[in-house]
Amino acid sequence: MKNLVLGLSSRLDFYFYQKPVSMNKGIEALKGLVVNEFGRNPEDGAVYIFISKGMKEVKLLHYHKYIYTLYTHKIYKGRFVYPIYNRERDLYIMDWHRLKRLLNGCVKL
């Protein structure tokens, strides 16, 4: 499949949680944030992205074919770059290309 990274593809929807999240949270706690904060069903096939307070760790929650997958990405030098804020939609834009840049080490040193 073209444009496939970690079982994720450009065909999916991506939602970025705007507040820092404790990276101690697991699948169940992150599912709760999806329901309570996004107002969405975590089993809708979208990818939910969470970033740590220090901006050094990112978690992605994805549900596909009855399986939840939690990806963790951590850097040791620099910080992840926050996505672009869209005032009209009152959310941070996270599309496929920005996600790939984030996961491939687009960081501030």
PDB file of N, CA and C in Angstrom:
ATOM      1  N   MET A   1       0.840  -1.173   0.000  1.00  0.00           N
ATOM      2  CA  MET A   1       0.000   0.000   0.000  1.00  0.00           C
ATOM      3  C   MET A   1       0.890   1.242   0.000  1.00  0.00           C
ATOM      4  N   LYS A   2       0.630   2.164  -0.898  1.00  0.00           N
ATOM      5  CA  LYS A   2       1.411   3.383  -1.021  1.00  0.00           C
ATOM      6  C   LYS A   2       1.162   4.297   0.174  1.00  0.00           C
ATOM      7  N   ASN A   3       2.200   5.053   0.549  1.00  0.00           N
ATOM      8  CA  ASN A   3       2.099   6.008   1.663  1.00  0.00           C
ATOM      9  C   ASN A   3       1.702   5.336   2.962  1.00  0.00           C
ATOM     10  N   LEU A   4       2.353   4.245   3.300  1.00  0.00           N
ATOM     11  CA  LEU A   4       2.046   3.517   4.527  1.00  0.00           C
ATOM     12  C   LEU A   4       3.199   3.686   5.509  1.00  0.00           C
ATOM     13  N   VAL A   5       2.895   4.163   6.705  1.00  0.00           N
ATOM     14  CA  VAL A   5       3.884   4.320   7.769  1.00  0.00           C
ATOM     15  C   VAL A   5       3.280   3.740   9.038  1.00  0.00           C
ATOM     16  N   LEU A   6       3.931   2.751   9.639  1.00  0.00           N
ATOM     17  CA  LEU A   6       3.455   2.136  10.877  1.00  0.00           C
ATOM     18  C   LEU A   6       2.018   1.649  10.780  1.00  0.00           C
ATOM     19  N   GLY A   7       1.604   1.179   9.630  1.00  0.00           N
ATOM     20  CA  GLY A   7       0.227   0.733   9.468  1.00  0.00           C
ATOM     21  C   GLY A   7      -0.750   1.881   9.309  1.00  0.00           C
ATOM     22  N   LEU A   8      -0.260   3.103   9.183  1.00  0.00           N
ATOM     23  CA  LEU A   8      -1.094   4.285   9.009  1.00  0.00           C
ATOM     24  C   LEU A   8      -0.940   4.785   7.578  1.00  0.00           C
ATOM     25  N   SER A   9      -1.971   5.401   7.056  1.00  0.00           N
ATOM     26  CA  SER A   9      -1.890   5.902   5.687  1.00  0.00           C
ATOM     27  C   SER A   9      -2.543   7.270   5.558  1.00  0.00           C
ATOM     28  N   SER A  10      -2.320   7.894   4.426  1.00  0.00           N
ATOM     29  CA  SER A  10      -2.859   9.224   4.153  1.00  0.00           C
ATOM     30  C   SER A  10      -4.377   9.223   4.050  1.00  0.00           C
ATOM     31  N   ARG A  11      -4.991   8.074   3.945  1.00  0.00           N
ATOM     32  CA  ARG A  11      -6.458   7.982   3.822  1.00  0.00           C
ATOM     33  C   ARG A  11      -7.181   8.150   5.161  1.00  0.00           C
ATOM     34  N   LEU A  12      -6.439   8.129   6.245  1.00  0.00           N
ATOM     35  CA  LEU A  12      -7.046   8.222   7.573  1.00  0.00           C
ATOM     36  C   LEU A  12      -7.246   9.681   7.983  1.00  0.00           C
ATOM     37  N   ASP A  13      -8.137   9.889   8.950  1.00  0.00           N
ATOM     38  CA  ASP A  13      -8.298  11.201   9.563  1.00  0.00           C
ATOM     39  C   ASP A  13      -7.404  11.259  10.795  1.00  0.00           C
ATOM     40  N   PHE A  14      -6.833  12.433  11.040  1.00  0.00           N
ATOM     41  CA  PHE A  14      -5.919  12.630  12.159  1.00  0.00           C
ATOM     42  C   PHE A  14      -6.442  13.760  13.034  1.00  0.00           C
ATOM     43  N   TYR A  15      -6.475  13.511  14.339  1.00  0.00           N
ATOM     44  CA  TYR A  15      -6.941  14.507  15.302  1.00  0.00           C
ATOM     45  C   TYR A  15      -5.858  14.715  16.349  1.00  0.00           C
ATOM     46  N   PHE A  16      -5.478  15.974  16.539  1.00  0.00           N
ATOM     47  CA  PHE A  16      -4.417  16.332  17.472  1.00  0.00           C
ATOM     48  C   PHE A  16      -5.035  16.901  18.735  1.00  0.00           C
ATOM     49  N   TYR A  17      -4.733  16.289  19.865  1.00  0.00           N
ATOM     50  CA  TYR A  17      -5.221  16.778  21.151  1.00  0.00           C
ATOM     51  C   TYR A  17      -4.392  17.996  21.543  1.00  0.00           C
ATOM     52  N   GLN A  18      -5.062  19.113  21.813  1.00  0.00           N
ATOM     53  CA  GLN A  18      -4.392  20.402  21.947  1.00  0.00           C
ATOM     54  C   GLN A  18      -3.686  20.635  23.277  1.00  0.00           C
ATOM     55  N   LYS A  19      -3.971  19.840  24.280  1.00  0.00           N
ATOM     56  CA  LYS A  19      -3.362  20.036  25.597  1.00  0.00           C
ATOM     57  C   LYS A  19      -2.285  18.971  25.822  1.00  0.00           C
ATOM     58  N   PRO A  20      -1.244  19.311  26.589  1.00  0.00           N
ATOM     59  CA  PRO A  20      -0.247  18.286  26.915  1.00  0.00           C
ATOM     60  C   PRO A  20      -0.880  17.145  27.708  1.00  0.00           C
ATOM     61  N   VAL A  21      -0.386  15.941  27.480  1.00  0.00           N
ATOM     62  CA  VAL A  21      -0.929  14.739  28.111  1.00  0.00           C
ATOM     63  C   VAL A  21       0.185  14.004  28.845  1.00  0.00           C
ATOM     64  N   SER A  22      -0.146  13.462  30.009  1.00  0.00           N
ATOM     65  CA  SER A  22       0.803  12.621  30.722  1.00  0.00           C
ATOM     66  C   SER A  22       1.061  11.370  29.889  1.00  0.00           C
ATOM     67  N   MET A  23       2.321  11.083  29.648  1.00  0.00           N
ATOM     68  CA  MET A  23       2.669   9.929  28.831  1.00  0.00           C
ATOM     69  C   MET A  23       2.545   8.626  29.609  1.00  0.00           C
ATOM     70  N   ASN A  24       2.100   8.695  30.859  1.00  0.00           N
ATOM     71  CA  ASN A  24       1.786   7.486  31.623  1.00  0.00           C
ATOM     72  C   ASN A  24       0.440   6.907  31.206  1.00  0.00           C
ATOM     73  N   LYS A  25      -0.351   7.690  30.503  1.00  0.00           N
ATOM     74  CA  LYS A  25      -1.677   7.230  30.094  1.00  0.00           C
ATOM     75  C   LYS A  25      -1.562   6.108  29.070  1.00  0.00           C
ATOM     76  N   GLY A  26      -2.400   5.106  29.239  1.00  0.00           N
ATOM     77  CA  GLY A  26      -2.440   3.992  28.307  1.00  0.00           C
ATOM     78  C   GLY A  26      -3.656   4.095  27.402  1.00  0.00           C
ATOM     79  N   ILE A  27      -3.958   3.008  26.755  1.00  0.00           N
ATOM     80  CA  ILE A  27      -5.047   2.978  25.784  1.00  0.00           C
ATOM     81  C   ILE A  27      -6.378   3.397  26.400  1.00  0.00           C
ATOM     82  N   GLU A  28      -6.732   2.842  27.546  1.00  0.00           N
ATOM     83  CA  GLU A  28      -8.041   3.141  28.145  1.00  0.00           C
ATOM     84  C   GLU A  28      -8.188   4.623  28.493  1.00  0.00           C
ATOM     85  N   ALA A  29      -7.161   5.201  29.093  1.00  0.00           N
ATOM     86  CA  ALA A  29      -7.219   6.623  29.465  1.00  0.00           C
ATOM     87  C   ALA A  29      -7.289   7.512  28.224  1.00  0.00           C
ATOM     88  N   LEU A  30      -6.540   7.170  27.187  1.00  0.00           N
ATOM     89  CA  LEU A  30      -6.573   7.956  25.959  1.00  0.00           C
ATOM     90  C   LEU A  30      -7.906   7.803  25.240  1.00  0.00           C
ATOM     91  N   LYS A  31      -8.491   6.613  25.288  1.00  0.00           N
ATOM     92  CA  LYS A  31      -9.841   6.431  24.738  1.00  0.00           C
ATOM     93  C   LYS A  31     -10.818   7.367  25.448  1.00  0.00           C
ATOM     94  N   GLY A  32     -10.663   7.503  26.767  1.00  0.00           N
ATOM     95  CA  GLY A  32     -11.515   8.401  27.531  1.00  0.00           C
ATOM     96  C   GLY A  32     -11.378   9.841  27.069  1.00  0.00           C
ATOM     97  N   LEU A  33     -10.158  10.278  26.754  1.00  0.00           N
ATOM     98  CA  LEU A  33      -9.961  11.629  26.240  1.00  0.00           C
ATOM     99  C   LEU A  33     -10.630  11.809  24.886  1.00  0.00           C
ATOM    100  N   VAL A  34     -10.550  10.797  24.054  1.00  0.00           N
ATOM    101  CA  VAL A  34     -11.187  10.873  22.726  1.00  0.00           C
ATOM    102  C   VAL A  34     -12.693  11.075  22.889  1.00  0.00           C
ATOM    103  N   VAL A  35     -13.295  10.312  23.781  1.00  0.00           N
ATOM    104  CA  VAL A  35     -14.749  10.409  24.003  1.00  0.00           C
ATOM    105  C   VAL A  35     -15.116  11.728  24.673  1.00  0.00           C
ATOM    106  N   ASN A  36     -14.428  12.059  25.764  1.00  0.00           N
ATOM    107  CA  ASN A  36     -14.814  13.211  26.573  1.00  0.00           C
ATOM    108  C   ASN A  36     -14.338  14.551  26.034  1.00  0.00           C
ATOM    109  N   GLU A  37     -13.200  14.587  25.399  1.00  0.00           N
ATOM    110  CA  GLU A  37     -12.649  15.859  24.922  1.00  0.00           C
ATOM    111  C   GLU A  37     -12.918  16.109  23.439  1.00  0.00           C
ATOM    112  N   PHE A  38     -12.777  15.081  22.613  1.00  0.00           N
ATOM    113  CA  PHE A  38     -13.048  15.230  21.192  1.00  0.00           C
ATOM    114  C   PHE A  38     -14.533  15.049  20.883  1.00  0.00           C
ATOM    115  N   GLY A  39     -15.228  14.327  21.777  1.00  0.00           N
ATOM    116  CA  GLY A  39     -16.623  14.011  21.503  1.00  0.00           C
ATOM    117  C   GLY A  39     -16.759  13.036  20.345  1.00  0.00           C
ATOM    118  N   ARG A  40     -15.788  12.148  20.211  1.00  0.00           N
ATOM    119  CA  ARG A  40     -15.770  11.200  19.093  1.00  0.00           C
ATOM    120  C   ARG A  40     -15.701   9.778  19.614  1.00  0.00           C
ATOM    121  N   ASN A  41     -15.980   8.845  18.733  1.00  0.00           N
ATOM    122  CA  ASN A  41     -15.889   7.421  19.034  1.00  0.00           C
ATOM    123  C   ASN A  41     -14.464   6.964  18.697  1.00  0.00           C
ATOM    124  N   PRO A  42     -13.703   6.456  19.663  1.00  0.00           N
ATOM    125  CA  PRO A  42     -12.328   6.047  19.377  1.00  0.00           C
ATOM    126  C   PRO A  42     -12.231   4.871  18.404  1.00  0.00           C
ATOM    127  N   GLU A  43     -13.350   4.229  18.117  1.00  0.00           N
ATOM    128  CA  GLU A  43     -13.345   3.103  17.180  1.00  0.00           C
ATOM    129  C   GLU A  43     -13.755   3.535  15.775  1.00  0.00           C
ATOM    130  N   ASP A  44     -13.659   4.835  15.482  1.00  0.00           N
ATOM    131  CA  ASP A  44     -14.064   5.337  14.169  1.00  0.00           C
ATOM    132  C   ASP A  44     -12.985   5.191  13.104  1.00  0.00           C
ATOM    133  N   GLY A  45     -11.829   4.651  13.473  1.00  0.00           N
ATOM    134  CA  GLY A  45     -10.758   4.423  12.500  1.00  0.00           C
ATOM    135  C   GLY A  45      -9.795   5.595  12.356  1.00  0.00           C
ATOM    136  N   ALA A  46     -10.079   6.706  13.013  1.00  0.00           N
ATOM    137  CA  ALA A  46      -9.185   7.860  12.950  1.00  0.00           C
ATOM    138  C   ALA A  46      -7.969   7.623  13.841  1.00  0.00           C
ATOM    139  N   VAL A  47      -6.973   8.464  13.680  1.00  0.00           N
ATOM    140  CA  VAL A  47      -5.769   8.417  14.499  1.00  0.00           C
ATOM    141  C   VAL A  47      -5.796   9.630  15.420  1.00  0.00           C
ATOM    142  N   TYR A  48      -5.620   9.385  16.711  1.00  0.00           N
ATOM    143  CA  TYR A  48      -5.637  10.450  17.706  1.00  0.00           C
ATOM    144  C   TYR A  48      -4.221  10.648  18.217  1.00  0.00           C
ATOM    145  N   ILE A  49      -3.763  11.906  18.190  1.00  0.00           N
ATOM    146  CA  ILE A  49      -2.373  12.225  18.476  1.00  0.00           C
ATOM    147  C   ILE A  49      -2.300  13.037  19.761  1.00  0.00           C
ATOM    148  N   PHE A  50      -1.407  12.614  20.660  1.00  0.00           N
ATOM    149  CA  PHE A  50      -1.231  13.259  21.962  1.00  0.00           C
ATOM    150  C   PHE A  50       0.247  13.573  22.139  1.00  0.00           C
ATOM    151  N   ILE A  51       0.548  14.738  22.731  1.00  0.00           N
ATOM    152  CA  ILE A  51       1.934  15.145  22.924  1.00  0.00           C
ATOM    153  C   ILE A  51       2.174  15.443  24.400  1.00  0.00           C
ATOM    154  N   SER A  52       3.382  15.170  24.858  1.00  0.00           N
ATOM    155  CA  SER A  52       3.729  15.391  26.265  1.00  0.00           C
ATOM    156  C   SER A  52       3.939  16.877  26.547  1.00  0.00           C
ATOM    157  N   LYS A  53       3.928  17.222  27.828  1.00  0.00           N
ATOM    158  CA  LYS A  53       4.121  18.607  28.249  1.00  0.00           C
ATOM    159  C   LYS A  53       5.462  19.152  27.769  1.00  0.00           C
ATOM    160  N   GLY A  54       6.494  18.364  27.870  1.00  0.00           N
ATOM    161  CA  GLY A  54       7.822  18.793  27.439  1.00  0.00           C
ATOM    162  C   GLY A  54       8.037  18.719  25.938  1.00  0.00           C
ATOM    163  N   MET A  55       7.025  18.251  25.207  1.00  0.00           N
ATOM    164  CA  MET A  55       7.060  18.120  23.751  1.00  0.00           C
ATOM    165  C   MET A  55       8.182  17.210  23.270  1.00  0.00           C
ATOM    166  N   LYS A  56       8.504  16.186  24.078  1.00  0.00           N
ATOM    167  CA  LYS A  56       9.549  15.237  23.710  1.00  0.00           C
ATOM    168  C   LYS A  56       8.988  13.856  23.392  1.00  0.00           C
ATOM    169  N   GLU A  57       7.701  13.671  23.630  1.00  0.00           N
ATOM    170  CA  GLU A  57       7.092  12.368  23.394  1.00  0.00           C
ATOM    171  C   GLU A  57       5.709  12.556  22.769  1.00  0.00           C
ATOM    172  N   VAL A  58       5.404  11.685  21.835  1.00  0.00           N
ATOM    173  CA  VAL A  58       4.124  11.706  21.135  1.00  0.00           C
ATOM    174  C   VAL A  58       3.529  10.306  21.198  1.00  0.00           C
ATOM    175  N   LYS A  59       2.214  10.231  21.410  1.00  0.00           N
ATOM    176  CA  LYS A  59       1.503   8.955  21.340  1.00  0.00           C
ATOM    177  C   LYS A  59       0.397   9.068  20.300  1.00  0.00           C
ATOM    178  N   LEU A  60       0.232   7.994  19.547  1.00  0.00           N
ATOM    179  CA  LEU A  60      -0.826   7.908  18.555  1.00  0.00           C
ATOM    180  C   LEU A  60      -1.700   6.720  18.905  1.00  0.00           C
ATOM    181  N   LEU A  61      -2.997   6.954  18.968  1.00  0.00           N
ATOM    182  CA  LEU A  61      -3.964   5.900  19.258  1.00  0.00           C
ATOM    183  C   LEU A  61      -4.765   5.627  17.994  1.00  0.00           C
ATOM    184  N   HIS A  62      -4.792   4.351  17.598  1.00  0.00           N
ATOM    185  CA  HIS A  62      -5.502   3.980  16.370  1.00  0.00           C
ATOM    186  C   HIS A  62      -6.244   2.660  16.575  1.00  0.00           C
ATOM    187  N   TYR A  63      -7.461   2.620  16.083  1.00  0.00           N
ATOM    188  CA  TYR A  63      -8.280   1.409  16.152  1.00  0.00           C
ATOM    189  C   TYR A  63      -8.533   0.927  14.733  1.00  0.00           C
ATOM    190  N   HIS A  64      -8.277  -0.366  14.505  1.00  0.00           N
ATOM    191  CA  HIS A  64      -8.508  -0.939  13.174  1.00  0.00           C
ATOM    192  C   HIS A  64      -8.773  -2.440  13.324  1.00  0.00           C
ATOM    193  N   LYS A  65      -9.876  -2.878  12.782  1.00  0.00           N
ATOM    194  CA  LYS A  65     -10.237  -4.301  12.777  1.00  0.00           C
ATOM    195  C   LYS A  65     -10.176  -4.930  14.165  1.00  0.00           C
ATOM    196  N   TYR A  66     -10.864  -4.330  15.113  1.00  0.00           N
ATOM    197  CA  TYR A  66     -11.010  -4.848  16.472  1.00  0.00           C
ATOM    198  C   TYR A  66      -9.730  -4.791  17.304  1.00  0.00           C
ATOM    199  N   ILE A  67      -8.751  -4.019  16.855  1.00  0.00           N
ATOM    200  CA  ILE A  67      -7.480  -3.923  17.581  1.00  0.00           C
ATOM    201  C   ILE A  67      -7.127  -2.460  17.810  1.00  0.00           C
ATOM    202  N   TYR A  68      -6.814  -2.128  19.061  1.00  0.00           N
ATOM    203  CA  TYR A  68      -6.262  -0.811  19.371  1.00  0.00           C
ATOM    204  C   TYR A  68      -4.746  -0.913  19.317  1.00  0.00           C
ATOM    205  N   THR A  69      -4.116   0.082  18.688  1.00  0.00           N
ATOM    206  CA  THR A  69      -2.664   0.158  18.651  1.00  0.00           C
ATOM    207  C   THR A  69      -2.262   1.502  19.231  1.00  0.00           C
ATOM    208  N   LEU A  70      -1.276   1.484  20.115  1.00  0.00           N
ATOM    209  CA  LEU A  70      -0.763   2.704  20.709  1.00  0.00           C
ATOM    210  C   LEU A  70       0.706   2.829  20.320  1.00  0.00           C
ATOM    211  N   TYR A  71       0.990   3.825  19.498  1.00  0.00           N
ATOM    212  CA  TYR A  71       2.354   4.087  19.069  1.00  0.00           C
ATOM    213  C   TYR A  71       2.956   5.139  19.987  1.00  0.00           C
ATOM    214  N   THR A  72       4.207   4.959  20.377  1.00  0.00           N
ATOM    215  CA  THR A  72       4.923   5.942  21.172  1.00  0.00           C
ATOM    216  C   THR A  72       6.177   6.344  20.420  1.00  0.00           C
ATOM    217  N   HIS A  73       6.406   7.635  20.353  1.00  0.00           N
ATOM    218  CA  HIS A  73       7.566   8.173  19.654  1.00  0.00           C
ATOM    219  C   HIS A  73       8.230   9.167  20.600  1.00  0.00           C
ATOM    220  N   LYS A  74       9.498   8.954  20.925  1.00  0.00           N
ATOM    221  CA  LYS A  74      10.182   9.801  21.895  1.00  0.00           C
ATOM    222  C   LYS A  74      11.515  10.260  21.331  1.00  0.00           C
ATOM    223  N   ILE A  75      11.816  11.557  21.554  1.00  0.00           N
ATOM    224  CA  ILE A  75      13.103  12.075  21.115  1.00  0.00           C
ATOM    225  C   ILE A  75      13.915  12.479  22.344  1.00  0.00           C
ATOM    226  N   TYR A  76      15.228  12.476  22.194  1.00  0.00           N
ATOM    227  CA  TYR A  76      16.107  12.777  23.316  1.00  0.00           C
ATOM    228  C   TYR A  76      16.858  14.090  23.135  1.00  0.00           C
ATOM    229  N   LYS A  77      16.800  14.665  21.943  1.00  0.00           N
ATOM    230  CA  LYS A  77      17.433  15.960  21.708  1.00  0.00           C
ATOM    231  C   LYS A  77      16.453  16.833  20.955  1.00  0.00           C
ATOM    232  N   GLY A  78      16.162  18.002  21.493  1.00  0.00           N
ATOM    233  CA  GLY A  78      15.211  18.905  20.874  1.00  0.00           C
ATOM    234  C   GLY A  78      13.789  18.634  21.348  1.00  0.00           C
ATOM    235  N   ARG A  79      12.828  19.203  20.635  1.00  0.00           N
ATOM    236  CA  ARG A  79      11.409  19.052  20.956  1.00  0.00           C
ATOM    237  C   ARG A  79      10.630  18.910  19.660  1.00  0.00           C
ATOM    238  N   PHE A  80       9.506  18.197  19.744  1.00  0.00           N
ATOM    239  CA  PHE A  80       8.639  18.108  18.585  1.00  0.00           C
ATOM    240  C   PHE A  80       8.050  19.476  18.276  1.00  0.00           C
ATOM    241  N   VAL A  81       7.796  19.740  17.013  1.00  0.00           N
ATOM    242  CA  VAL A  81       7.194  21.001  16.584  1.00  0.00           C
ATOM    243  C   VAL A  81       5.679  20.855  16.630  1.00  0.00           C
ATOM    244  N   TYR A  82       5.020  21.829  17.262  1.00  0.00           N
ATOM    245  CA  TYR A  82       3.562  21.817  17.350  1.00  0.00           C
ATOM    246  C   TYR A  82       2.962  22.022  15.970  1.00  0.00           C
ATOM    247  N   PRO A  83       1.824  21.414  15.683  1.00  0.00           N
ATOM    248  CA  PRO A  83       1.164  21.633  14.392  1.00  0.00           C
ATOM    249  C   PRO A  83       0.659  23.071  14.263  1.00  0.00           C
ATOM    250  N   ILE A  84       0.197  23.410  13.090  1.00  0.00           N
ATOM    251  CA  ILE A  84      -0.316  24.756  12.801  1.00  0.00           C
ATOM    252  C   ILE A  84      -1.736  24.896  13.332  1.00  0.00           C
ATOM    253  N   TYR A  85      -2.005  26.018  13.992  1.00  0.00           N
ATOM    254  CA  TYR A  85      -3.330  26.285  14.550  1.00  0.00           C
ATOM    255  C   TYR A  85      -4.218  26.933  13.491  1.00  0.00           C
ATOM    256  N   ASN A  86      -5.432  26.407  13.318  1.00  0.00           N
ATOM    257  CA  ASN A  86      -6.418  26.948  12.385  1.00  0.00           C
ATOM    258  C   ASN A  86      -7.481  27.678  13.203  1.00  0.00           C
ATOM    259  N   ARG A  87      -7.484  29.002  13.146  1.00  0.00           N
ATOM    260  CA  ARG A  87      -8.430  29.801  13.937  1.00  0.00           C
ATOM    261  C   ARG A  87      -9.881  29.576  13.527  1.00  0.00           C
ATOM    262  N   GLU A  88     -10.115  29.417  12.230  1.00  0.00           N
ATOM    263  CA  GLU A  88     -11.493  29.231  11.748  1.00  0.00           C
ATOM    264  C   GLU A  88     -12.130  27.977  12.326  1.00  0.00           C
ATOM    265  N   ARG A  89     -11.372  26.905  12.392  1.00  0.00           N
ATOM    266  CA  ARG A  89     -11.905  25.628  12.877  1.00  0.00           C
ATOM    267  C   ARG A  89     -11.597  25.400  14.357  1.00  0.00           C
ATOM    268  N   ASP A  90     -10.819  26.305  14.965  1.00  0.00           N
ATOM    269  CA  ASP A  90     -10.433  26.231  16.372  1.00  0.00           C
ATOM    270  C   ASP A  90      -9.789  24.884  16.707  1.00  0.00           C
ATOM    271  N   LEU A  91      -8.813  24.497  15.879  1.00  0.00           N
ATOM    272  CA  LEU A  91      -8.080  23.259  16.128  1.00  0.00           C
ATOM    273  C   LEU A  91      -6.725  23.321  15.469  1.00  0.00           C
ATOM    274  N   TYR A  92      -5.878  22.393  15.872  1.00  0.00           N
ATOM    275  CA  TYR A  92      -4.563  22.279  15.260  1.00  0.00           C
ATOM    276  C   TYR A  92      -4.666  21.339  14.072  1.00  0.00           C
ATOM    277  N   ILE A  93      -4.067  21.760  12.973  1.00  0.00           N
ATOM    278  CA  ILE A  93      -4.117  20.967  11.747  1.00  0.00           C
ATOM    279  C   ILE A  93      -3.032  19.902  11.801  1.00  0.00           C
ATOM    280  N   MET A  94      -3.432  18.665  11.613  1.00  0.00           N
ATOM    281  CA  MET A  94      -2.475  17.576  11.548  1.00  0.00           C
ATOM    282  C   MET A  94      -2.911  16.693  10.390  1.00  0.00           C
ATOM    283  N   ASP A  95      -2.271  16.872   9.259  1.00  0.00           N
ATOM    284  CA  ASP A  95      -2.582  16.029   8.114  1.00  0.00           C
ATOM    285  C   ASP A  95      -1.469  14.994   7.952  1.00  0.00           C
ATOM    286  N   TRP A  96      -1.580  14.173   6.937  1.00  0.00           N
ATOM    287  CA  TRP A  96      -0.640  13.078   6.707  1.00  0.00           C
ATOM    288  C   TRP A  96       0.796  13.576   6.573  1.00  0.00           C
ATOM    289  N   HIS A  97       1.004  14.630   5.799  1.00  0.00           N
ATOM    290  CA  HIS A  97       2.359  15.115   5.564  1.00  0.00           C
ATOM    291  C   HIS A  97       2.986  15.686   6.835  1.00  0.00           C
ATOM    292  N   ARG A  98       2.195  16.403   7.616  1.00  0.00           N
ATOM    293  CA  ARG A  98       2.710  16.932   8.876  1.00  0.00           C
ATOM    294  C   ARG A  98       2.996  15.806   9.870  1.00  0.00           C
ATOM    295  N   LEU A  99       2.146  14.791   9.873  1.00  0.00           N
ATOM    296  CA  LEU A  99       2.386  13.655  10.761  1.00  0.00           C
ATOM    297  C   LEU A  99       3.685  12.945  10.386  1.00  0.00           C
ATOM    298  N   LYS A 100       3.918  12.730   9.117  1.00  0.00           N
ATOM    299  CA  LYS A 100       5.161  12.082   8.683  1.00  0.00           C
ATOM    300  C   LYS A 100       6.379  12.912   9.084  1.00  0.00           C
ATOM    301  N   ARG A 101       6.289  14.222   8.916  1.00  0.00           N
ATOM    302  CA  ARG A 101       7.391  15.090   9.333  1.00  0.00           C
ATOM    303  C   ARG A 101       7.622  14.975  10.831  1.00  0.00           C
ATOM    304  N   LEU A 102       6.542  14.956  11.591  1.00  0.00           N
ATOM    305  CA  LEU A 102       6.649  14.837  13.047  1.00  0.00           C
ATOM    306  C   LEU A 102       7.325  13.529  13.432  1.00  0.00           C
ATOM    307  N   LEU A 103       6.872  12.437  12.859  1.00  0.00           N
ATOM    308  CA  LEU A 103       7.411  11.117  13.208  1.00  0.00           C
ATOM    309  C   LEU A 103       8.818  10.895  12.666  1.00  0.00           C
ATOM    310  N   ASN A 104       9.185  11.630  11.641  1.00  0.00           N
ATOM    311  CA  ASN A 104      10.538  11.489  11.078  1.00  0.00           C
ATOM    312  C   ASN A 104      11.531  12.450  11.705  1.00  0.00           C
ATOM    313  N   GLY A 105      11.122  13.109  12.795  1.00  0.00           N
ATOM    314  CA  GLY A 105      12.072  13.906  13.552  1.00  0.00           C
ATOM    315  C   GLY A 105      12.091  15.390  13.257  1.00  0.00           C
ATOM    316  N   CYS A 106      10.975  15.956  12.810  1.00  0.00           N
ATOM    317  CA  CYS A 106      10.898  17.395  12.623  1.00  0.00           C
ATOM    318  C   CYS A 106      10.847  18.026  14.012  1.00  0.00           C
ATOM    319  N   VAL A 107      11.996  18.514  14.469  1.00  0.00           N
ATOM    320  CA  VAL A 107      12.104  18.987  15.851  1.00  0.00           C
ATOM    321  C   VAL A 107      12.746  20.372  15.902  1.00  0.00           C
ATOM    322  N   LYS A 108      12.528  21.040  17.032  1.00  0.00           N
ATOM    323  CA  LYS A 108      13.243  22.275  17.350  1.00  0.00           C
ATOM    324  C   LYS A 108      14.401  21.895  18.265  1.00  0.00           C
ATOM    325  N   LEU A 109      15.571  22.346  17.947  1.00  0.00           N
ATOM    326  CA  LEU A 109      16.734  22.063  18.798  1.00  0.00           C
ATOM    327  C   LEU A 109      16.976  23.189  19.759  1.00  0.00           C
TER     328      LEU A 109
END
